[in-house]
Amino acid sequence: MDFWQVLPVAMALVLIIEGMLPFISPHRWRNMLAMAEQMDDRVIRNIGLGSMLLGVFLLYLFH
C-alpha cells in the first residue's frame, strides 16, 4: 500500500481510539485532564517521548 493511502486510515484509527475514553467515561477523562494540568512540563515531555518511542518500536516490530 502507498503511504498516502495508509496515513488517513492511521489518523482515523487514532481519532477513534482517542475518542473512546471521553465517550465511555467523561468523568474519568475530565479527572485525567485535571491531573495532567498539574504535571510539570518535563514529565509531560517524558511521557510524550516514551509514547513516541513505543510507537516506533511497535512499527518496527510489526513491520
N, C-alpha and C. Protein backbone atom coordinates (compact mmCIF):
# COMPACT_ATOMS: atom_id res chain seq x y z
N MET A 1 0.83 -1.19 0.00
CA MET A 1 0.00 0.00 0.00
C MET A 1 0.87 1.25 0.00
N ASP A 2 0.36 2.27 -0.58
CA ASP A 2 1.04 3.55 -0.65
C ASP A 2 0.89 4.30 0.69
N PHE A 3 1.91 5.07 1.05
CA PHE A 3 1.91 5.84 2.29
C PHE A 3 0.68 6.74 2.39
N TRP A 4 0.32 7.39 1.30
CA TRP A 4 -0.79 8.34 1.32
C TRP A 4 -2.14 7.65 1.42
N GLN A 5 -2.18 6.34 1.21
CA GLN A 5 -3.41 5.58 1.44
C GLN A 5 -3.50 5.12 2.88
N VAL A 6 -2.36 4.83 3.48
CA VAL A 6 -2.34 4.32 4.85
C VAL A 6 -2.47 5.45 5.88
N LEU A 7 -1.91 6.61 5.58
CA LEU A 7 -1.92 7.72 6.54
C LEU A 7 -3.32 8.12 6.99
N PRO A 8 -4.29 8.33 6.08
CA PRO A 8 -5.63 8.70 6.58
C PRO A 8 -6.28 7.60 7.42
N VAL A 9 -6.00 6.35 7.09
CA VAL A 9 -6.54 5.24 7.88
C VAL A 9 -5.94 5.26 9.28
N ALA A 10 -4.63 5.47 9.36
CA ALA A 10 -3.97 5.53 10.66
C ALA A 10 -4.48 6.70 11.48
N MET A 11 -4.66 7.85 10.85
CA MET A 11 -5.17 9.02 11.57
C MET A 11 -6.60 8.78 12.07
N ALA A 12 -7.41 8.13 11.25
CA ALA A 12 -8.79 7.82 11.65
C ALA A 12 -8.80 6.88 12.85
N LEU A 13 -7.92 5.88 12.84
CA LEU A 13 -7.85 4.96 13.97
C LEU A 13 -7.39 5.67 15.24
N VAL A 14 -6.45 6.60 15.13
CA VAL A 14 -6.01 7.38 16.29
C VAL A 14 -7.19 8.16 16.85
N LEU A 15 -7.96 8.81 16.00
CA LEU A 15 -9.11 9.58 16.47
C LEU A 15 -10.16 8.69 17.13
N ILE A 16 -10.38 7.52 16.58
CA ILE A 16 -11.35 6.59 17.18
C ILE A 16 -10.88 6.16 18.56
N ILE A 17 -9.63 5.76 18.66
CA ILE A 17 -9.09 5.29 19.95
C ILE A 17 -9.06 6.43 20.96
N GLU A 18 -8.64 7.62 20.54
CA GLU A 18 -8.58 8.77 21.45
C GLU A 18 -9.98 9.19 21.90
N GLY A 19 -10.99 8.97 21.08
CA GLY A 19 -12.34 9.37 21.44
C GLY A 19 -13.07 8.39 22.32
N MET A 20 -12.52 7.20 22.49
CA MET A 20 -13.21 6.18 23.28
C MET A 20 -13.35 6.55 24.75
N LEU A 21 -12.29 7.03 25.38
CA LEU A 21 -12.35 7.33 26.82
C LEU A 21 -13.33 8.45 27.13
N PRO A 22 -13.30 9.60 26.42
CA PRO A 22 -14.30 10.62 26.74
C PRO A 22 -15.73 10.16 26.46
N PHE A 23 -15.91 9.27 25.49
CA PHE A 23 -17.25 8.77 25.21
C PHE A 23 -17.73 7.80 26.29
N ILE A 24 -16.85 6.89 26.68
CA ILE A 24 -17.23 5.85 27.64
C ILE A 24 -17.31 6.41 29.06
N SER A 25 -16.34 7.24 29.44
CA SER A 25 -16.27 7.74 30.82
C SER A 25 -15.83 9.20 30.84
N PRO A 26 -16.75 10.13 30.59
CA PRO A 26 -16.35 11.54 30.56
C PRO A 26 -15.81 12.05 31.90
N HIS A 27 -16.33 11.51 33.00
CA HIS A 27 -15.86 11.95 34.32
C HIS A 27 -14.39 11.57 34.53
N ARG A 28 -14.05 10.34 34.20
CA ARG A 28 -12.66 9.89 34.35
C ARG A 28 -11.73 10.67 33.41
N TRP A 29 -12.20 10.98 32.21
CA TRP A 29 -11.41 11.74 31.25
C TRP A 29 -11.14 13.15 31.77
N ARG A 30 -12.18 13.77 32.36
CA ARG A 30 -12.03 15.10 32.94
C ARG A 30 -11.03 15.08 34.10
N ASN A 31 -11.09 14.05 34.92
CA ASN A 31 -10.13 13.92 36.03
C ASN A 31 -8.70 13.74 35.51
N MET A 32 -8.55 12.98 34.43
CA MET A 32 -7.24 12.78 33.84
C MET A 32 -6.67 14.10 33.32
N LEU A 33 -7.51 14.91 32.68
CA LEU A 33 -7.06 16.21 32.19
C LEU A 33 -6.66 17.13 33.33
N ALA A 34 -7.41 17.10 34.42
CA ALA A 34 -7.07 17.92 35.59
C ALA A 34 -5.73 17.48 36.18
N MET A 35 -5.49 16.17 36.19
CA MET A 35 -4.22 15.66 36.70
C MET A 35 -3.06 16.06 35.79
N ALA A 36 -3.29 16.01 34.47
CA ALA A 36 -2.26 16.40 33.52
C ALA A 36 -1.94 17.88 33.63
N GLU A 37 -2.94 18.69 33.96
CA GLU A 37 -2.73 20.12 34.12
C GLU A 37 -1.78 20.43 35.27
N GLN A 38 -1.76 19.58 36.27
CA GLN A 38 -0.91 19.79 37.44
C GLN A 38 0.51 19.24 37.25
N MET A 39 0.73 18.48 36.19
CA MET A 39 2.05 17.88 35.95
C MET A 39 3.03 18.93 35.45
N ASP A 40 4.29 18.70 35.76
CA ASP A 40 5.36 19.55 35.27
C ASP A 40 5.56 19.30 33.77
N ASP A 41 5.98 20.32 33.04
CA ASP A 41 6.20 20.18 31.59
C ASP A 41 7.20 19.06 31.28
N ARG A 42 8.20 18.91 32.12
CA ARG A 42 9.22 17.87 31.90
C ARG A 42 8.60 16.47 31.94
N VAL A 43 7.69 16.26 32.86
CA VAL A 43 7.03 14.96 32.98
C VAL A 43 6.18 14.69 31.73
N ILE A 44 5.46 15.71 31.28
CA ILE A 44 4.62 15.55 30.09
C ILE A 44 5.49 15.26 28.86
N ARG A 45 6.62 15.95 28.75
CA ARG A 45 7.53 15.68 27.63
C ARG A 45 8.07 14.26 27.69
N ASN A 46 8.42 13.79 28.88
CA ASN A 46 8.92 12.41 29.03
C ASN A 46 7.85 11.39 28.65
N ILE A 47 6.61 11.65 29.02
CA ILE A 47 5.52 10.75 28.64
C ILE A 47 5.35 10.75 27.12
N GLY A 48 5.41 11.93 26.51
CA GLY A 48 5.31 12.02 25.05
C GLY A 48 6.45 11.31 24.35
N LEU A 49 7.66 11.48 24.87
CA LEU A 49 8.82 10.80 24.29
C LEU A 49 8.68 9.29 24.42
N GLY A 50 8.26 8.83 25.58
CA GLY A 50 8.06 7.40 25.78
C GLY A 50 7.00 6.84 24.84
N SER A 51 5.93 7.60 24.65
CA SER A 51 4.86 7.18 23.74
C SER A 51 5.37 7.09 22.30
N MET A 52 6.14 8.09 21.88
CA MET A 52 6.68 8.06 20.51
C MET A 52 7.66 6.91 20.33
N LEU A 53 8.52 6.68 21.31
CA LEU A 53 9.48 5.57 21.20
C LEU A 53 8.77 4.23 21.17
N LEU A 54 7.73 4.08 21.98
CA LEU A 54 6.95 2.84 21.97
C LEU A 54 6.28 2.65 20.61
N GLY A 55 5.75 3.72 20.03
CA GLY A 55 5.14 3.64 18.72
C GLY A 55 6.13 3.24 17.64
N VAL A 56 7.34 3.83 17.68
CA VAL A 56 8.37 3.47 16.71
C VAL A 56 8.77 2.01 16.88
N PHE A 57 8.91 1.57 18.12
CA PHE A 57 9.27 0.18 18.39
C PHE A 57 8.19 -0.77 17.87
N LEU A 58 6.91 -0.43 18.11
CA LEU A 58 5.82 -1.28 17.63
C LEU A 58 5.77 -1.31 16.10
N LEU A 59 5.99 -0.17 15.46
CA LEU A 59 6.05 -0.15 14.00
C LEU A 59 7.17 -1.05 13.49
N TYR A 60 8.33 -0.98 14.12
CA TYR A 60 9.46 -1.81 13.72
C TYR A 60 9.13 -3.28 13.95
N LEU A 61 8.52 -3.58 15.08
CA LEU A 61 8.20 -4.97 15.43
C LEU A 61 7.19 -5.59 14.48
N PHE A 62 6.14 -4.83 14.12
CA PHE A 62 5.07 -5.38 13.29
C PHE A 62 5.32 -5.21 11.80
N HIS A 63 6.29 -4.41 11.44
CA HIS A 63 6.55 -4.23 10.02
C HIS A 63 7.53 -5.30 9.63
